[in-house]
């Protein structure tokens, strides 16, 4: 199973790029100092948002759970995993969804650390995609015979 927010983040990236380019043209075209300062600050903020934008791919392929992150304008064929875990190491999870910003917390069984925790933000997933991720993680938790997150 592979779930991604690529389309939404790519649309947002193109929209931010168009707004930045139009703001630059407005800075060149307008001769007012106040509007130039406001547009320059807007461009800097939008450019920083554009640079931090990431596509997230959730992949559950049998025995392994993988999260991959990359920028929407990246054209690489292979994207290295951000987090890759065997299913047997996932002890529990907590999934909080608030206004399109989803916070995923994974508790792991680890030989090095007693209570290993991985926290990540998943932005731009639809409700149906979030439900698929939750159902997949619930199946993994049931398969590992673990109790719910408390």
N, C-alpha and C. Protein backbone atom coordinates (compact mmCIF):
# COMPACT_ATOMS: atom_id res chain seq x y z
N UNK A 1 0.85 -1.17 0.00
CA UNK A 1 0.00 0.00 0.00
C UNK A 1 0.91 1.24 0.00
N UNK A 2 0.60 2.16 -0.87
CA UNK A 2 1.38 3.38 -1.00
C UNK A 2 0.42 4.57 -0.98
N UNK A 3 0.62 5.50 -0.03
CA UNK A 3 -0.24 6.67 0.12
C UNK A 3 0.64 7.90 0.08
N UNK A 4 0.26 8.89 -0.73
CA UNK A 4 1.09 10.07 -0.92
C UNK A 4 0.25 11.34 -0.97
N UNK A 5 0.85 12.46 -0.59
CA UNK A 5 0.20 13.77 -0.70
C UNK A 5 0.86 14.59 -1.81
N UNK A 6 1.39 13.92 -2.83
CA UNK A 6 2.17 14.57 -3.88
C UNK A 6 1.37 15.60 -4.68
N UNK A 7 0.18 15.25 -5.09
CA UNK A 7 -0.62 16.17 -5.93
C UNK A 7 -0.91 17.49 -5.22
N UNK A 8 -1.33 17.40 -3.98
CA UNK A 8 -1.67 18.62 -3.23
C UNK A 8 -0.43 19.48 -3.01
N UNK A 9 0.67 18.87 -2.60
CA UNK A 9 1.88 19.66 -2.35
C UNK A 9 2.44 20.23 -3.65
N UNK A 10 2.29 19.53 -4.76
CA UNK A 10 2.75 20.06 -6.04
C UNK A 10 1.91 21.26 -6.45
N UNK A 11 0.59 21.19 -6.25
CA UNK A 11 -0.29 22.34 -6.56
C UNK A 11 0.07 23.54 -5.68
N UNK A 12 0.31 23.30 -4.40
CA UNK A 12 0.69 24.38 -3.49
C UNK A 12 2.03 24.98 -3.91
N UNK A 13 2.97 24.14 -4.34
CA UNK A 13 4.28 24.63 -4.77
C UNK A 13 4.15 25.52 -6.00
N UNK A 14 3.35 25.10 -6.97
CA UNK A 14 3.14 25.93 -8.17
C UNK A 14 2.43 27.24 -7.83
N UNK A 15 1.47 27.17 -6.92
CA UNK A 15 0.76 28.38 -6.51
C UNK A 15 1.70 29.36 -5.81
N UNK A 16 2.52 28.86 -4.89
CA UNK A 16 3.49 29.72 -4.20
C UNK A 16 4.49 30.33 -5.18
N UNK A 17 4.93 29.54 -6.15
CA UNK A 17 5.87 30.06 -7.15
C UNK A 17 5.23 31.17 -7.98
N UNK A 18 3.97 30.98 -8.38
CA UNK A 18 3.27 32.01 -9.16
C UNK A 18 3.09 33.29 -8.34
N UNK A 19 2.76 33.16 -7.08
CA UNK A 19 2.58 34.35 -6.23
C UNK A 19 3.91 35.07 -6.03
N UNK A 20 4.98 34.32 -5.85
CA UNK A 20 6.30 34.95 -5.68
C UNK A 20 6.71 35.69 -6.94
N UNK A 21 6.53 35.08 -8.10
CA UNK A 21 6.91 35.73 -9.37
C UNK A 21 6.06 36.97 -9.61
N UNK A 22 4.75 36.89 -9.35
CA UNK A 22 3.90 38.07 -9.55
C UNK A 22 4.25 39.17 -8.55
N UNK A 23 4.64 38.81 -7.33
CA UNK A 23 5.06 39.82 -6.35
C UNK A 23 6.34 40.51 -6.79
N UNK A 24 7.26 39.76 -7.38
CA UNK A 24 8.50 40.37 -7.88
C UNK A 24 8.19 41.35 -9.01
N UNK A 25 7.28 40.97 -9.91
CA UNK A 25 6.89 41.89 -10.98
C UNK A 25 6.21 43.14 -10.42
N UNK A 26 5.40 42.97 -9.38
CA UNK A 26 4.77 44.14 -8.75
C UNK A 26 5.80 45.04 -8.07
N UNK A 27 6.82 44.45 -7.47
CA UNK A 27 7.88 45.26 -6.87
C UNK A 27 8.59 46.10 -7.93
N UNK A 28 8.85 45.48 -9.08
CA UNK A 28 9.51 46.20 -10.17
C UNK A 28 8.60 47.28 -10.75
N UNK A 29 7.32 46.97 -10.88
CA UNK A 29 6.37 47.87 -11.54
C UNK A 29 5.95 49.04 -10.66
N UNK A 30 5.71 48.79 -9.36
CA UNK A 30 5.25 49.84 -8.45
C UNK A 30 6.44 50.66 -7.93
N UNK A 31 6.19 51.95 -7.70
CA UNK A 31 7.24 52.82 -7.20
C UNK A 31 7.01 53.29 -5.77
N UNK A 32 6.12 52.65 -5.05
CA UNK A 32 5.84 53.06 -3.67
C UNK A 32 6.71 52.25 -2.71
N UNK A 33 7.35 52.94 -1.80
CA UNK A 33 8.28 52.30 -0.86
C UNK A 33 7.55 51.34 0.08
N UNK A 34 6.38 51.74 0.58
CA UNK A 34 5.64 50.91 1.53
C UNK A 34 5.21 49.59 0.87
N UNK A 35 4.67 49.67 -0.33
CA UNK A 35 4.23 48.45 -1.01
C UNK A 35 5.43 47.58 -1.39
N UNK A 36 6.56 48.20 -1.73
CA UNK A 36 7.76 47.42 -2.04
C UNK A 36 8.24 46.64 -0.82
N UNK A 37 8.21 47.27 0.35
CA UNK A 37 8.65 46.60 1.58
C UNK A 37 7.69 45.45 1.92
N UNK A 38 6.40 45.70 1.82
CA UNK A 38 5.41 44.66 2.13
C UNK A 38 5.54 43.49 1.17
N UNK A 39 5.68 43.78 -0.12
CA UNK A 39 5.82 42.71 -1.11
C UNK A 39 7.13 41.95 -0.94
N UNK A 40 8.20 42.63 -0.56
CA UNK A 40 9.47 41.96 -0.33
C UNK A 40 9.38 41.01 0.86
N UNK A 41 8.77 41.46 1.94
CA UNK A 41 8.59 40.59 3.11
C UNK A 41 7.70 39.40 2.75
N UNK A 42 6.65 39.64 1.97
CA UNK A 42 5.77 38.56 1.52
C UNK A 42 6.53 37.54 0.69
N UNK A 43 7.37 38.03 -0.22
CA UNK A 43 8.18 37.13 -1.05
C UNK A 43 9.12 36.28 -0.21
N UNK A 44 9.75 36.88 0.78
CA UNK A 44 10.69 36.14 1.62
C UNK A 44 9.95 35.06 2.42
N UNK A 45 8.80 35.40 2.98
CA UNK A 45 8.03 34.43 3.76
C UNK A 45 7.53 33.29 2.86
N UNK A 46 6.99 33.62 1.69
CA UNK A 46 6.49 32.59 0.79
C UNK A 46 7.62 31.71 0.25
N UNK A 47 8.79 32.32 0.01
CA UNK A 47 9.93 31.53 -0.45
C UNK A 47 10.41 30.56 0.62
N UNK A 48 10.40 30.99 1.87
CA UNK A 48 10.79 30.08 2.95
C UNK A 48 9.76 28.94 3.10
N UNK A 49 8.48 29.25 2.92
CA UNK A 49 7.46 28.19 2.93
C UNK A 49 7.65 27.22 1.77
N UNK A 50 7.98 27.76 0.61
CA UNK A 50 8.20 26.92 -0.57
C UNK A 50 9.37 25.97 -0.36
N UNK A 51 10.43 26.45 0.28
CA UNK A 51 11.60 25.61 0.52
C UNK A 51 11.33 24.52 1.56
N UNK A 52 10.42 24.76 2.48
CA UNK A 52 10.12 23.78 3.54
C UNK A 52 9.02 22.80 3.15
N UNK A 53 8.37 23.03 2.03
CA UNK A 53 7.28 22.17 1.59
C UNK A 53 7.81 20.78 1.24
N UNK A 54 7.11 19.73 1.71
CA UNK A 54 7.57 18.37 1.47
C UNK A 54 6.42 17.45 1.12
N UNK A 55 6.68 16.58 0.18
CA UNK A 55 5.76 15.49 -0.13
C UNK A 55 6.11 14.33 0.79
N UNK A 56 5.10 13.66 1.30
CA UNK A 56 5.31 12.52 2.19
C UNK A 56 4.66 11.30 1.55
N UNK A 57 5.41 10.22 1.53
CA UNK A 57 4.90 8.95 0.99
C UNK A 57 4.93 7.92 2.11
N UNK A 58 3.76 7.34 2.41
CA UNK A 58 3.66 6.25 3.38
C UNK A 58 3.58 4.96 2.58
N UNK A 59 4.44 4.01 2.92
CA UNK A 59 4.49 2.76 2.19
C UNK A 59 4.49 1.60 3.17
N UNK A 60 3.56 0.68 3.00
CA UNK A 60 3.51 -0.53 3.82
C UNK A 60 3.63 -1.71 2.88
N UNK A 61 4.80 -2.32 2.87
CA UNK A 61 5.06 -3.39 1.91
C UNK A 61 5.39 -4.69 2.63
N UNK A 62 4.39 -5.32 3.16
CA UNK A 62 4.60 -6.61 3.80
C UNK A 62 5.22 -6.51 5.18
N UNK A 63 6.53 -6.57 5.26
CA UNK A 63 7.21 -6.61 6.55
C UNK A 63 7.83 -5.28 6.95
N UNK A 64 7.69 -4.26 6.13
CA UNK A 64 8.39 -3.01 6.36
C UNK A 64 7.44 -1.81 6.18
N UNK A 65 7.59 -0.81 7.06
CA UNK A 65 6.84 0.44 6.96
C UNK A 65 7.85 1.54 6.65
N UNK A 66 7.57 2.31 5.59
CA UNK A 66 8.52 3.31 5.13
C UNK A 66 7.83 4.66 4.98
N UNK A 67 8.49 5.71 5.44
CA UNK A 67 8.06 7.08 5.21
C UNK A 67 9.16 7.76 4.39
N UNK A 68 8.78 8.35 3.27
CA UNK A 68 9.74 9.07 2.43
C UNK A 68 9.29 10.52 2.35
N UNK A 69 10.26 11.44 2.39
CA UNK A 69 9.96 12.86 2.27
C UNK A 69 10.85 13.45 1.18
N UNK A 70 10.24 14.30 0.33
CA UNK A 70 10.99 14.99 -0.70
C UNK A 70 10.26 16.26 -1.11
N UNK A 71 10.96 17.16 -1.77
CA UNK A 71 10.37 18.41 -2.24
C UNK A 71 9.56 18.12 -3.50
N UNK A 72 8.44 18.85 -3.73
CA UNK A 72 7.62 18.57 -4.91
C UNK A 72 8.32 18.79 -6.25
N UNK A 73 9.35 19.62 -6.30
CA UNK A 73 10.06 19.87 -7.55
C UNK A 73 11.24 18.93 -7.76
N UNK A 74 11.45 17.97 -6.87
CA UNK A 74 12.53 17.00 -7.01
C UNK A 74 12.19 16.02 -8.12
N UNK A 75 13.16 15.76 -8.98
CA UNK A 75 12.89 14.85 -10.10
C UNK A 75 13.72 13.58 -10.02
N UNK A 76 14.09 13.16 -8.82
CA UNK A 76 14.87 11.94 -8.65
C UNK A 76 13.99 10.72 -8.89
N UNK A 77 14.59 9.68 -9.42
CA UNK A 77 13.87 8.42 -9.59
C UNK A 77 13.74 7.70 -8.24
N UNK A 78 14.83 7.66 -7.48
CA UNK A 78 14.82 6.99 -6.18
C UNK A 78 14.88 8.03 -5.08
N UNK A 79 13.96 7.92 -4.13
CA UNK A 79 13.91 8.81 -2.98
C UNK A 79 14.26 7.98 -1.75
N UNK A 80 15.34 8.33 -1.05
CA UNK A 80 15.72 7.53 0.12
C UNK A 80 14.68 7.67 1.23
N UNK A 81 14.53 6.63 2.05
CA UNK A 81 13.53 6.69 3.12
C UNK A 81 13.94 7.66 4.23
N UNK A 82 12.93 8.36 4.76
CA UNK A 82 13.11 9.21 5.93
C UNK A 82 13.10 8.34 7.18
N UNK A 83 12.13 7.42 7.24
CA UNK A 83 12.03 6.44 8.32
C UNK A 83 11.67 5.11 7.68
N UNK A 84 12.39 4.06 8.05
CA UNK A 84 12.07 2.72 7.57
C UNK A 84 12.17 1.77 8.75
N UNK A 85 11.06 1.08 9.03
CA UNK A 85 10.98 0.22 10.21
C UNK A 85 10.40 -1.14 9.84
N UNK A 86 10.87 -2.18 10.50
CA UNK A 86 10.16 -3.45 10.36
C UNK A 86 8.84 -3.38 11.13
N UNK A 87 7.83 -4.04 10.62
CA UNK A 87 6.51 -4.00 11.27
C UNK A 87 6.56 -4.55 12.69
N UNK A 88 7.41 -5.49 12.93
CA UNK A 88 7.48 -6.10 14.26
C UNK A 88 7.99 -5.13 15.32
N UNK A 89 8.66 -4.05 14.92
CA UNK A 89 9.19 -3.10 15.90
C UNK A 89 8.17 -2.05 16.32
N UNK A 90 7.05 -1.94 15.61
CA UNK A 90 6.03 -0.94 15.95
C UNK A 90 5.19 -1.48 17.10
N UNK A 91 5.30 -0.81 18.23
CA UNK A 91 4.56 -1.22 19.43
C UNK A 91 3.18 -0.59 19.44
N UNK A 92 3.11 0.72 19.15
CA UNK A 92 1.85 1.42 19.17
C UNK A 92 1.99 2.72 18.38
N UNK A 93 0.87 3.39 18.15
CA UNK A 93 0.87 4.66 17.44
C UNK A 93 -0.22 5.57 17.97
N UNK A 94 -0.05 6.86 17.74
CA UNK A 94 -1.07 7.86 18.07
C UNK A 94 -1.17 8.77 16.85
N UNK A 95 -2.39 8.98 16.38
CA UNK A 95 -2.64 9.73 15.16
C UNK A 95 -3.61 10.85 15.47
N UNK A 96 -3.14 12.10 15.45
CA UNK A 96 -4.00 13.25 15.73
C UNK A 96 -4.12 14.09 14.47
N UNK A 97 -5.36 14.37 14.07
CA UNK A 97 -5.62 15.13 12.85
C UNK A 97 -6.34 16.42 13.21
N UNK A 98 -5.71 17.57 12.93
CA UNK A 98 -6.31 18.88 13.20
C UNK A 98 -6.14 19.79 11.99
N UNK A 99 -7.21 20.10 11.30
CA UNK A 99 -7.22 21.06 10.18
C UNK A 99 -6.16 20.75 9.13
N UNK A 100 -6.06 19.51 8.70
CA UNK A 100 -5.11 19.14 7.66
C UNK A 100 -3.70 18.89 8.14
N UNK A 101 -3.42 19.20 9.41
CA UNK A 101 -2.10 18.94 9.99
C UNK A 101 -2.24 17.70 10.86
N UNK A 102 -1.55 16.66 10.47
CA UNK A 102 -1.64 15.40 11.18
C UNK A 102 -0.33 15.13 11.91
N UNK A 103 -0.44 14.77 13.17
CA UNK A 103 0.74 14.43 13.97
C UNK A 103 0.70 12.94 14.25
N UNK A 104 1.74 12.25 13.81
CA UNK A 104 1.85 10.81 14.00
C UNK A 104 2.97 10.53 14.98
N UNK A 105 2.65 9.75 16.01
CA UNK A 105 3.63 9.34 17.01
C UNK A 105 3.69 7.82 17.00
N UNK A 106 4.87 7.28 16.77
CA UNK A 106 5.08 5.84 16.76
C UNK A 106 5.92 5.44 17.97
N UNK A 107 5.43 4.49 18.75
CA UNK A 107 6.23 3.91 19.83
C UNK A 107 6.81 2.60 19.32
N UNK A 108 8.10 2.39 19.59
CA UNK A 108 8.80 1.25 19.00
C UNK A 108 9.38 0.34 20.07
N UNK A 109 9.50 -0.93 19.72
CA UNK A 109 10.29 -1.87 20.50
C UNK A 109 11.69 -1.82 19.93
N UNK A 110 12.64 -1.41 20.76
CA UNK A 110 14.00 -1.28 20.28
C UNK A 110 14.95 -1.96 21.26
N UNK A 111 16.00 -2.54 20.72
CA UNK A 111 16.99 -3.19 21.60
C UNK A 111 17.91 -2.16 22.23
N UNK A 112 18.12 -1.04 21.56
CA UNK A 112 19.01 0.00 22.09
C UNK A 112 18.33 0.86 23.14
N UNK A 113 17.13 1.33 22.83
CA UNK A 113 16.39 2.19 23.75
C UNK A 113 15.16 1.45 24.25
N UNK A 114 14.82 1.67 25.51
CA UNK A 114 13.66 0.98 26.07
C UNK A 114 12.36 1.52 25.49
N UNK A 115 12.20 2.82 25.45
CA UNK A 115 10.99 3.44 24.91
C UNK A 115 11.36 4.39 23.77
N UNK A 116 11.56 3.86 22.60
CA UNK A 116 11.88 4.70 21.44
C UNK A 116 10.59 5.27 20.86
N UNK A 117 10.61 6.57 20.54
CA UNK A 117 9.44 7.25 20.00
C UNK A 117 9.87 8.05 18.77
N UNK A 118 9.06 7.95 17.71
CA UNK A 118 9.28 8.74 16.50
C UNK A 118 8.05 9.62 16.32
N UNK A 119 8.28 10.94 16.19
CA UNK A 119 7.19 11.88 15.97
C UNK A 119 7.41 12.56 14.62
N UNK A 120 6.32 12.70 13.84
CA UNK A 120 6.43 13.38 12.56
C UNK A 120 5.11 14.05 12.20
N UNK A 121 5.22 15.13 11.44
CA UNK A 121 4.05 15.84 10.94
C UNK A 121 3.76 15.38 9.52
N UNK A 122 2.51 15.09 9.26
CA UNK A 122 2.07 14.68 7.94
C UNK A 122 1.06 15.72 7.45
N UNK A 123 1.48 16.56 6.52
CA UNK A 123 0.63 17.65 6.04
C UNK A 123 0.01 17.29 4.70
N UNK A 124 -1.24 17.70 4.51
CA UNK A 124 -1.87 17.60 3.20
C UNK A 124 -2.50 16.28 2.84
N UNK A 125 -2.72 15.40 3.79
CA UNK A 125 -3.41 14.15 3.50
C UNK A 125 -4.91 14.36 3.64
N UNK A 126 -5.69 13.76 2.75
CA UNK A 126 -7.14 13.85 2.84
C UNK A 126 -7.62 12.93 3.96
N UNK A 127 -8.91 13.06 4.31
CA UNK A 127 -9.47 12.22 5.38
C UNK A 127 -9.42 10.74 5.01
N UNK A 128 -9.70 10.43 3.76
CA UNK A 128 -9.68 9.03 3.34
C UNK A 128 -8.26 8.47 3.39
N UNK A 129 -7.27 9.27 3.00
CA UNK A 129 -5.89 8.81 3.08
C UNK A 129 -5.47 8.62 4.53
N UNK A 130 -5.87 9.54 5.40
CA UNK A 130 -5.55 9.41 6.83
C UNK A 130 -6.19 8.15 7.41
N UNK A 131 -7.43 7.85 7.02
CA UNK A 131 -8.10 6.64 7.50
C UNK A 131 -7.39 5.38 7.03
N UNK A 132 -6.87 5.40 5.80
CA UNK A 132 -6.13 4.24 5.30
C UNK A 132 -4.84 4.03 6.08
N UNK A 133 -4.16 5.11 6.40
CA UNK A 133 -2.92 5.00 7.19
C UNK A 133 -3.23 4.47 8.58
N UNK A 134 -4.30 4.99 9.20
CA UNK A 134 -4.69 4.54 10.54
C UNK A 134 -5.07 3.06 10.52
N UNK A 135 -5.86 2.64 9.54
CA UNK A 135 -6.27 1.23 9.49
C UNK A 135 -5.06 0.32 9.25
N UNK A 136 -4.12 0.78 8.44
CA UNK A 136 -2.90 -0.01 8.22
C UNK A 136 -2.10 -0.15 9.51
N UNK A 137 -1.95 0.95 10.24
CA UNK A 137 -1.20 0.89 11.51
C UNK A 137 -1.95 0.09 12.57
N UNK A 138 -3.28 0.13 12.56
CA UNK A 138 -4.06 -0.69 13.50
C UNK A 138 -3.87 -2.17 13.21
N UNK A 139 -3.82 -2.54 11.95
CA UNK A 139 -3.59 -3.94 11.59
C UNK A 139 -2.20 -4.39 12.06
N UNK A 140 -1.23 -3.50 11.93
CA UNK A 140 0.12 -3.83 12.40
C UNK A 140 0.12 -4.01 13.91
N UNK A 141 -0.58 -3.11 14.63
CA UNK A 141 -0.64 -3.21 16.09
C UNK A 141 -1.33 -4.51 16.51
N UNK A 142 -2.43 -4.88 15.84
CA UNK A 142 -3.11 -6.13 16.16
C UNK A 142 -2.24 -7.34 15.84
N UNK A 143 -1.51 -7.25 14.76
CA UNK A 143 -0.63 -8.34 14.36
C UNK A 143 0.48 -8.54 15.39
N UNK A 144 0.94 -7.42 15.99
CA UNK A 144 1.98 -7.50 17.01
C UNK A 144 1.43 -7.74 18.41
N UNK A 145 0.09 -7.85 18.55
CA UNK A 145 -0.58 -8.09 19.83
C UNK A 145 -0.22 -7.07 20.89
N UNK A 146 -0.37 -5.79 20.55
CA UNK A 146 -0.09 -4.71 21.49
C UNK A 146 -1.39 -3.98 21.85
N UNK A 147 -1.40 -3.41 23.03
CA UNK A 147 -2.57 -2.67 23.49
C UNK A 147 -2.51 -1.24 22.92
N UNK A 148 -3.65 -0.54 22.84
CA UNK A 148 -3.67 0.81 22.32
C UNK A 148 -2.85 1.79 23.16
N UNK A 149 -2.48 2.89 22.50
CA UNK A 149 -1.70 3.97 23.09
C UNK A 149 -2.47 4.57 24.26
N UNK A 150 -1.82 4.75 25.40
CA UNK A 150 -2.53 5.35 26.54
C UNK A 150 -1.93 6.65 26.96
